[in-house]
PDB file of N, CA and C in Angstrom:
ATOM      1  N   MET A   1      97.330 107.446  83.707  1.00  0.00           N
ATOM      2  CA  MET A   1      96.721 106.688  84.799  1.00  0.00           C
ATOM      3  C   MET A   1      97.952 105.964  85.519  1.00  0.00           C
ATOM      4  N   LYS A   2      98.059 105.720  86.954  1.00  0.00           N
ATOM      5  CA  LYS A   2      98.670 104.671  87.271  1.00  0.00           C
ATOM      6  C   LYS A   2      98.027 103.630  87.490  1.00  0.00           C
ATOM      7  N   TYR A   3      98.563 102.392  88.267  1.00  0.00           N
ATOM      8  CA  TYR A   3      97.790 101.128  88.393  1.00  0.00           C
ATOM      9  C   TYR A   3      98.618 100.705  89.459  1.00  0.00           C
ATOM     10  N   ILE A   4      98.057  99.401  90.232  1.00  0.00           N
ATOM     11  CA  ILE A   4      98.860  99.279  91.107  1.00  0.00           C
ATOM     12  C   ILE A   4      98.331  97.311  91.262  1.00  0.00           C
ATOM     13  N   LEU A   5      99.515  96.628  91.368  1.00  0.00           N
ATOM     14  CA  LEU A   5      99.705  95.112  90.981  1.00  0.00           C
ATOM     15  C   LEU A   5      99.000  94.858  92.442  1.00  0.00           C
ATOM     16  N   ILE A   6      97.904  93.891  92.890  1.00  0.00           N
ATOM     17  CA  ILE A   6      97.576  93.677  94.202  1.00  0.00           C
ATOM     18  C   ILE A   6      97.902  92.224  93.652  1.00  0.00           C
ATOM     19  N   VAL A   7      99.009  91.809  94.847  1.00  0.00           N
ATOM     20  CA  VAL A   7      99.070  90.464  94.721  1.00  0.00           C
ATOM     21  C   VAL A   7      98.614  89.504  96.175  1.00  0.00           C
ATOM     22  N   VAL A   8      97.954  89.199  96.581  1.00  0.00           N
ATOM     23  CA  VAL A   8      97.773  87.863  97.852  1.00  0.00           C
ATOM     24  C   VAL A   8      97.904  86.725  98.003  1.00  0.00           C
ATOM     25  N   ALA A   9      98.957  86.680  98.527  1.00  0.00           N
ATOM     26  CA  ALA A   9      99.311  85.043  98.790  1.00  0.00           C
ATOM     27  C   ALA A   9      98.861  84.577 100.043  1.00  0.00           C
ATOM     28  N   THR A  10      98.149  83.382  99.786  1.00  0.00           N
ATOM     29  CA  THR A  10      97.376  82.625 100.901  1.00  0.00           C
ATOM     30  C   THR A  10      98.559  81.286 101.102  1.00  0.00           C
ATOM     31  N   ILE A  11      98.871  81.349 102.560  1.00  0.00           N
ATOM     32  CA  ILE A  11     100.058  80.395 102.611  1.00  0.00           C
ATOM     33  C   ILE A  11      99.514  78.906 103.519  1.00  0.00           C
ATOM     34  N   PHE A  12      99.539  77.886 102.870  1.00  0.00           N
ATOM     35  CA  PHE A  12      99.014  77.023 103.897  1.00  0.00           C
ATOM     36  C   PHE A  12     100.298  75.976 104.332  1.00  0.00           C
ATOM     37  N   ILE A  13     100.517  76.076 105.655  1.00  0.00           N
ATOM     38  CA  ILE A  13     101.503  75.476 106.511  1.00  0.00           C
ATOM     39  C   ILE A  13     101.615  74.069 106.676  1.00  0.00           C
ATOM     40  N   GLY A  14     100.397  73.724 107.253  1.00  0.00           N
ATOM     41  CA  GLY A  14     100.199  72.188 107.547  1.00  0.00           C
ATOM     42  C   GLY A  14      98.604  71.741 108.054  1.00  0.00           C
ATOM     43  N   GLU A  15      98.727  70.353 107.894  1.00  0.00           N
ATOM     44  CA  GLU A  15      96.813  70.049 108.461  1.00  0.00           C
ATOM     45  C   GLU A  15      97.003  71.116 110.045  1.00  0.00           C
ATOM     46  N   GLY A  16      95.553  71.421 109.787  1.00  0.00           N
ATOM     47  CA  GLY A  16      94.752  71.854 110.923  1.00  0.00           C
ATOM     48  C   GLY A  16      95.198  73.379 111.382  1.00  0.00           C
ATOM     49  N   GLU A  17      96.267  73.530 110.303  1.00  0.00           N
ATOM     50  CA  GLU A  17      96.655  75.252 110.714  1.00  0.00           C
ATOM     51  C   GLU A  17      95.890  76.054 110.049  1.00  0.00           C
ATOM     52  N   GLU A  18      95.663  77.108 110.630  1.00  0.00           N
ATOM     53  CA  GLU A  18      95.126  78.483 109.904  1.00  0.00           C
ATOM     54  C   GLU A  18      95.777  79.107 108.731  1.00  0.00           C
ATOM     55  N   PRO A  19      95.556  79.265 107.262  1.00  0.00           N
ATOM     56  CA  PRO A  19      96.378  79.936 106.590  1.00  0.00           C
ATOM     57  C   PRO A  19      96.567  80.819 106.689  1.00  0.00           C
ATOM     58  N   LYS A  20      97.820  81.690 106.344  1.00  0.00           N
ATOM     59  CA  LYS A  20      98.178  82.695 106.750  1.00  0.00           C
ATOM     60  C   LYS A  20      98.420  83.524 105.002  1.00  0.00           C
ATOM     61  N   LYS A  21      97.772  85.008 105.363  1.00  0.00           N
ATOM     62  CA  LYS A  21      97.557  85.837 103.992  1.00  0.00           C
ATOM     63  C   LYS A  21      98.848  87.119 104.160  1.00  0.00           C
ATOM     64  N   MET A  22      99.218  87.096 103.133  1.00  0.00           N
ATOM     65  CA  MET A  22      99.917  88.048 103.023  1.00  0.00           C
ATOM     66  C   MET A  22      99.875  88.990 101.338  1.00  0.00           C
ATOM     67  N   THR A  23      99.649  90.172 101.880  1.00  0.00           N
ATOM     68  CA  THR A  23      99.401  90.851 100.677  1.00  0.00           C
ATOM     69  C   THR A  23     100.508  91.885 100.351  1.00  0.00           C
ATOM     70  N   MET A  24     100.891  91.965  98.812  1.00  0.00           N
ATOM     71  CA  MET A  24     101.760  92.778  98.035  1.00  0.00           C
ATOM     72  C   MET A  24     101.135  93.935  97.139  1.00  0.00           C
ATOM     73  N   GLU A  25     101.650  94.821  97.575  1.00  0.00           N
ATOM     74  CA  GLU A  25     101.316  95.989  96.626  1.00  0.00           C
ATOM     75  C   GLU A  25     102.185  96.944  95.657  1.00  0.00           C
ATOM     76  N   LEU A  26     102.320  96.188  94.137  1.00  0.00           N
ATOM     77  CA  LEU A  26     103.359  96.850  93.333  1.00  0.00           C
ATOM     78  C   LEU A  26     102.927  97.467  92.239  1.00  0.00           C
ATOM     79  N   PRO A  27     103.416  99.040  92.383  1.00  0.00           N
ATOM     80  CA  PRO A  27     102.752  99.898  91.496  1.00  0.00           C
ATOM     81  C   PRO A  27     103.264  99.888  89.703  1.00  0.00           C
ATOM     82  N   GLN A  28     102.648 100.443  89.308  1.00  0.00           N
ATOM     83  CA  GLN A  28     102.826  99.958  87.862  1.00  0.00           C
ATOM     84  C   GLN A  28     102.610 101.406  86.862  1.00  0.00           C
ATOM     85  N   LYS A  29     103.408 101.713  85.876  1.00  0.00           N
ATOM     86  CA  LYS A  29     102.725 102.710  85.033  1.00  0.00           C
ATOM     87  C   LYS A  29     101.941 102.929  84.483  1.00  0.00           C
ATOM     88  N   SER A  30     101.510 101.453  83.796  1.00  0.00           N
ATOM     89  CA  SER A  30     100.169 101.584  82.708  1.00  0.00           C
ATOM     90  C   SER A  30      99.296 100.455  83.079  1.00  0.00           C
ATOM     91  N   TYR A  31      98.504 100.362  82.412  1.00  0.00           N
ATOM     92  CA  TYR A  31      97.528  99.508  82.529  1.00  0.00           C
ATOM     93  C   TYR A  31      98.435  97.753  81.900  1.00  0.00           C
ATOM     94  N   GLU A  32      98.902  98.392  81.221  1.00  0.00           N
ATOM     95  CA  GLU A  32      99.463  97.315  79.552  1.00  0.00           C
ATOM     96  C   GLU A  32     100.451  96.898  80.618  1.00  0.00           C
ATOM     97  N   GLU A  33     101.147  97.313  81.489  1.00  0.00           N
ATOM     98  CA  GLU A  33     102.515  96.655  82.401  1.00  0.00           C
ATOM     99  C   GLU A  33     102.350  96.466  83.669  1.00  0.00           C
ATOM    100  N   CYS A  34     101.011  96.389  84.014  1.00  0.00           N
ATOM    101  CA  CYS A  34     100.585  96.058  84.965  1.00  0.00           C
ATOM    102  C   CYS A  34     100.064  94.734  85.064  1.00  0.00           C
ATOM    103  N   ILE A  35      99.256  93.724  83.602  1.00  0.00           N
ATOM    104  CA  ILE A  35      98.874  93.110  83.072  1.00  0.00           C
ATOM    105  C   ILE A  35      99.956  92.453  83.129  1.00  0.00           C
ATOM    106  N   SER A  36     101.126  92.659  82.311  1.00  0.00           N
ATOM    107  CA  SER A  36     102.077  92.222  81.867  1.00  0.00           C
ATOM    108  C   SER A  36     102.917  91.333  83.644  1.00  0.00           C
ATOM    109  N   ALA A  37     102.663  92.120  84.094  1.00  0.00           N
ATOM    110  CA  ALA A  37     103.460  91.496  85.471  1.00  0.00           C
ATOM    111  C   ALA A  37     102.654  90.576  86.356  1.00  0.00           C
ATOM    112  N   LYS A  38     101.141  91.006  86.199  1.00  0.00           N
ATOM    113  CA  LYS A  38     100.561  90.055  86.539  1.00  0.00           C
ATOM    114  C   LYS A  38     100.685  88.462  85.924  1.00  0.00           C
ATOM    115  N   GLU A  39     101.056  88.541  84.805  1.00  0.00           N
ATOM    116  CA  GLU A  39     101.055  87.238  84.347  1.00  0.00           C
ATOM    117  C   GLU A  39     102.307  86.644  84.357  1.00  0.00           C
ATOM    118  N   ASP A  40     103.422  87.620  84.782  1.00  0.00           N
ATOM    119  CA  ASP A  40     104.739  87.211  84.923  1.00  0.00           C
ATOM    120  C   ASP A  40     105.158  86.847  86.503  1.00  0.00           C
ATOM    121  N   PHE A  41     103.902  86.973  87.581  1.00  0.00           N
ATOM    122  CA  PHE A  41     104.491  86.844  88.904  1.00  0.00           C
ATOM    123  C   PHE A  41     104.746  85.802  89.276  1.00  0.00           C
ATOM    124  N   LYS A  42     105.575  84.915  89.885  1.00  0.00           N
ATOM    125  CA  LYS A  42     105.430  83.778  90.126  1.00  0.00           C
ATOM    126  C   LYS A  42     105.937  83.977  91.552  1.00  0.00           C
ATOM    127  N   LEU A  43     106.098  82.864  92.638  1.00  0.00           N
ATOM    128  CA  LEU A  43     106.222  82.847  93.502  1.00  0.00           C
ATOM    129  C   LEU A  43     106.997  81.508  93.852  1.00  0.00           C
ATOM    130  N   ASP A  44     108.233  81.448  94.121  1.00  0.00           N
ATOM    131  CA  ASP A  44     108.765  79.990  94.143  1.00  0.00           C
ATOM    132  C   ASP A  44     109.317  80.050  95.498  1.00  0.00           C
ATOM    133  N   ILE A  45     109.022  78.931  96.649  1.00  0.00           N
ATOM    134  CA  ILE A  45     109.628  78.731  97.418  1.00  0.00           C
ATOM    135  C   ILE A  45     109.794  77.542  97.465  1.00  0.00           C
ATOM    136  N   PRO A  46     111.255  76.788  98.064  1.00  0.00           N
ATOM    137  CA  PRO A  46     111.512  75.493  97.844  1.00  0.00           C
ATOM    138  C   PRO A  46     111.136  75.142  99.053  1.00  0.00           C
ATOM    139  N   PHE A  47     110.390  75.190  99.518  1.00  0.00           N
ATOM    140  CA  PHE A  47     109.515  74.361 100.948  1.00  0.00           C
ATOM    141  C   PHE A  47     108.698  73.356 100.503  1.00  0.00           C
ATOM    142  N   PRO A  48     108.941  72.122 100.546  1.00  0.00           N
ATOM    143  CA  PRO A  48     107.704  71.041 100.229  1.00  0.00           C
ATOM    144  C   PRO A  48     106.472  71.088 101.412  1.00  0.00           C
ATOM    145  N   PHE A  49     106.648  71.312 102.314  1.00  0.00           N
ATOM    146  CA  PHE A  49     105.856  71.371 103.542  1.00  0.00           C
ATOM    147  C   PHE A  49     104.763  72.741 103.082  1.00  0.00           C
ATOM    148  N   LEU A  50     104.966  73.869 102.459  1.00  0.00           N
ATOM    149  CA  LEU A  50     104.254  74.598 102.438  1.00  0.00           C
ATOM    150  C   LEU A  50     103.478  74.866 100.582  1.00  0.00           C
ATOM    151  N   ARG A  51     102.452  75.536 100.536  1.00  0.00           N
ATOM    152  CA  ARG A  51     101.564  75.375  99.559  1.00  0.00           C
ATOM    153  C   ARG A  51     100.836  76.531  99.973  1.00  0.00           C
ATOM    154  N   PHE A  52     101.231  77.473  98.222  1.00  0.00           N
ATOM    155  CA  PHE A  52     100.722  78.743  98.124  1.00  0.00           C
ATOM    156  C   PHE A  52      99.493  79.042  97.185  1.00  0.00           C
ATOM    157  N   GLU A  53      98.914  79.719  97.525  1.00  0.00           N
ATOM    158  CA  GLU A  53      97.844  80.122  96.144  1.00  0.00           C
ATOM    159  C   GLU A  53      97.678  81.469  95.860  1.00  0.00           C
ATOM    160  N   ILE A  54      97.788  82.163  94.855  1.00  0.00           N
ATOM    161  CA  ILE A  54      98.025  83.420  94.825  1.00  0.00           C
ATOM    162  C   ILE A  54      96.986  84.167  93.708  1.00  0.00           C
ATOM    163  N   GLU A  55      96.437  85.045  94.435  1.00  0.00           N
ATOM    164  CA  GLU A  55      95.561  85.901  93.391  1.00  0.00           C
ATOM    165  C   GLU A  55      95.836  87.065  93.611  1.00  0.00           C
ATOM    166  N   SER A  56      95.483  87.524  92.197  1.00  0.00           N
ATOM    167  CA  SER A  56      96.314  89.521  91.721  1.00  0.00           C
ATOM    168  C   SER A  56      95.432  89.584  90.811  1.00  0.00           C
ATOM    169  N   GLU A  57      95.235  91.123  91.234  1.00  0.00           N
ATOM    170  CA  GLU A  57      94.535  92.271  90.116  1.00  0.00           C
ATOM    171  C   GLU A  57      94.842  93.213  90.093  1.00  0.00           C
ATOM    172  N   CYS A  58      94.708  94.235  88.728  1.00  0.00           N
ATOM    173  CA  CYS A  58      95.152  95.287  88.554  1.00  0.00           C
ATOM    174  C   CYS A  58      94.078  96.393  89.067  1.00  0.00           C
ATOM    175  N   VAL A  59      94.601  97.746  89.892  1.00  0.00           N
ATOM    176  CA  VAL A  59      93.561  98.369  90.359  1.00  0.00           C
ATOM    177  C   VAL A  59      94.002  99.715  89.839  1.00  0.00           C
ATOM    178  N   VAL A  60      93.207 100.979  89.629  1.00  0.00           N
ATOM    179  CA  VAL A  60      93.753 101.926  89.479  1.00  0.00           C
ATOM    180  C   VAL A  60      94.462 102.633  90.750  1.00  0.00           C
ATOM    181  N   GLU A  61      95.733 103.317  90.840  1.00  0.00           N
ATOM    182  CA  GLU A  61      95.803 103.893  91.752  1.00  0.00           C
ATOM    183  C   GLU A  61      95.122 105.222  92.430  1.00  0.00           C
ATOM    184  N   GLN A  62      94.859 105.190  93.364  1.00  0.00           N
ATOM    185  CA  GLN A  62      93.791 106.078  94.148  1.00  0.00           C
ATOM    186  C   GLN A  62      94.161 107.316  94.604  1.00  0.00           C
ATOM    187  N   THR A  63      94.914 108.372  94.094  1.00  0.00           N
ATOM    188  CA  THR A  63      95.589 109.703  94.393  1.00  0.00           C
ATOM    189  C   THR A  63      94.654 110.575  95.429  1.00  0.00           C
ATOM    190  N   GLU A  64      93.777 110.561  95.516  1.00  0.00           N
ATOM    191  CA  GLU A  64      93.070 111.015  96.451  1.00  0.00           C
ATOM    192  C   GLU A  64      92.202 110.278  97.531  1.00  0.00           C
ATOM    193  N   PRO A  65      91.776 110.874  98.421  1.00  0.00           N
ATOM    194  CA  PRO A  65      90.845 110.404  99.341  1.00  0.00           C
ATOM    195  C   PRO A  65      89.555 109.954  98.766  1.00  0.00           C
ATOM    196  N   PRO A  66      88.705 108.221  98.847  1.00  0.00           N
ATOM    197  CA  PRO A  66      87.221 108.986  98.606  1.00  0.00           C
ATOM    198  C   PRO A  66      86.629 109.931  99.065  1.00  0.00           C
ATOM    199  N   GLU A  67      85.312 109.996  98.355  1.00  0.00           N
ATOM    200  CA  GLU A  67      84.526 111.478  98.681  1.00  0.00           C
ATOM    201  C   GLU A  67      83.545 110.976 100.016  1.00  0.00           C
ATOM    202  N   SER A  68      84.167 109.678 100.314  1.00  0.00           N
ATOM    203  CA  SER A  68      82.693 108.950 101.373  1.00  0.00           C
ATOM    204  C   SER A  68      83.771 109.394 103.464  1.00  0.00           C
ATOM    205  N   ILE A  69      84.986 110.029 102.893  1.00  0.00           N
ATOM    206  CA  ILE A  69      85.947 110.516 103.831  1.00  0.00           C
ATOM    207  C   ILE A  69      86.096 111.484 103.918  1.00  0.00           C
ATOM    208  N   LYS A  70      85.718 112.106 104.926  1.00  0.00           N
ATOM    209  CA  LYS A  70      86.133 113.720 105.410  1.00  0.00           C
ATOM    210  C   LYS A  70      87.026 113.935 106.396  1.00  0.00           C
ATOM    211  N   THR A  71      87.668 114.763 105.991  1.00  0.00           N
ATOM    212  CA  THR A  71      89.245 115.167 106.874  1.00  0.00           C
ATOM    213  C   THR A  71      89.091 116.187 107.475  1.00  0.00           C
TER     214      THR A  71
END
Protein backbone atom coordinates (compact mmCIF):
# COMPACT_ATOMS: atom_id res chain seq x y z
CA MET A 1 0.00 0.00 0.00
CA LYS A 2 1.23 3.51 -0.79
CA TYR A 3 0.69 6.47 1.50
CA ILE A 4 0.54 10.22 1.06
CA LEU A 5 1.86 12.69 3.59
CA ILE A 6 -0.55 15.61 3.55
CA VAL A 7 0.92 18.81 4.96
CA VAL A 8 -1.26 21.87 5.54
CA ALA A 9 0.65 25.07 6.25
CA THR A 10 -1.33 28.03 7.54
CA ILE A 11 0.52 31.30 6.96
CA PHE A 12 -0.23 34.30 9.16
CA ILE A 13 1.02 37.46 7.46
CA GLY A 14 0.01 40.24 9.82
CA GLU A 15 -2.61 41.71 12.10
CA GLY A 16 -6.04 41.84 10.53
CA GLU A 17 -4.98 39.80 7.50
CA GLU A 18 -6.83 36.60 6.62
CA PRO A 19 -4.49 33.59 7.06
CA LYS A 20 -3.53 31.76 3.86
CA LYS A 21 -3.43 27.96 3.61
CA MET A 22 -1.16 25.88 1.45
CA THR A 23 -1.55 22.12 1.04
CA MET A 24 1.19 19.76 -0.11
CA GLU A 25 0.76 16.07 -0.90
CA LEU A 26 4.00 14.10 -0.74
CA PRO A 27 3.83 10.44 -1.88
CA GLN A 28 5.50 7.84 0.32
CA LYS A 29 6.20 4.13 -0.29
CA SER A 30 5.16 2.80 3.12
CA TYR A 31 3.49 3.82 6.37
CA GLU A 32 6.83 3.81 8.17
CA GLU A 33 8.36 6.10 5.53
CA CYS A 34 5.34 8.40 5.80
CA ILE A 35 5.58 8.65 9.59
CA SER A 36 9.32 9.31 9.36
CA ALA A 37 8.76 12.07 6.77
CA LYS A 38 6.02 13.56 8.98
CA GLU A 39 8.38 13.71 11.97
CA ASP A 40 11.23 15.16 9.88
CA PHE A 41 9.18 17.75 7.96
CA LYS A 42 10.20 21.30 8.76
CA LEU A 43 9.28 24.57 7.11
CA ASP A 44 11.88 27.19 7.94
CA ILE A 45 11.29 30.55 6.28
CA PRO A 46 13.55 33.40 7.47
CA PHE A 47 10.91 36.15 7.46
CA PRO A 48 10.30 37.60 10.93
CA PHE A 49 6.86 38.99 10.01
CA LEU A 50 5.45 35.57 8.98
CA ARG A 51 4.13 32.91 11.35
CA PHE A 52 3.41 29.33 10.27
CA GLU A 53 1.27 26.58 11.74
CA ILE A 54 1.87 23.13 10.28
CA GLU A 55 -0.54 20.19 10.41
CA SER A 56 0.27 16.87 8.77
CA GLU A 57 -1.16 13.39 8.45
CA CYS A 58 -0.48 10.14 6.62
CA VAL A 59 -3.31 8.75 4.49
CA VAL A 60 -3.60 5.73 2.22
CA GLU A 61 -3.28 6.67 -1.43
CA GLN A 62 -6.60 6.14 -3.17
CA THR A 63 -6.03 4.57 -6.56
CA GLU A 64 -9.68 3.98 -7.40
CA PRO A 65 -12.51 6.53 -7.27
CA PRO A 66 -14.75 6.30 -4.19
CA GLU A 67 -17.83 4.11 -4.63
CA SER A 68 -20.11 7.11 -4.16
CA ILE A 69 -18.77 8.72 -7.36
CA LYS A 70 -20.04 7.07 -10.54
CA THR A 71 -18.58 8.03 -13.91
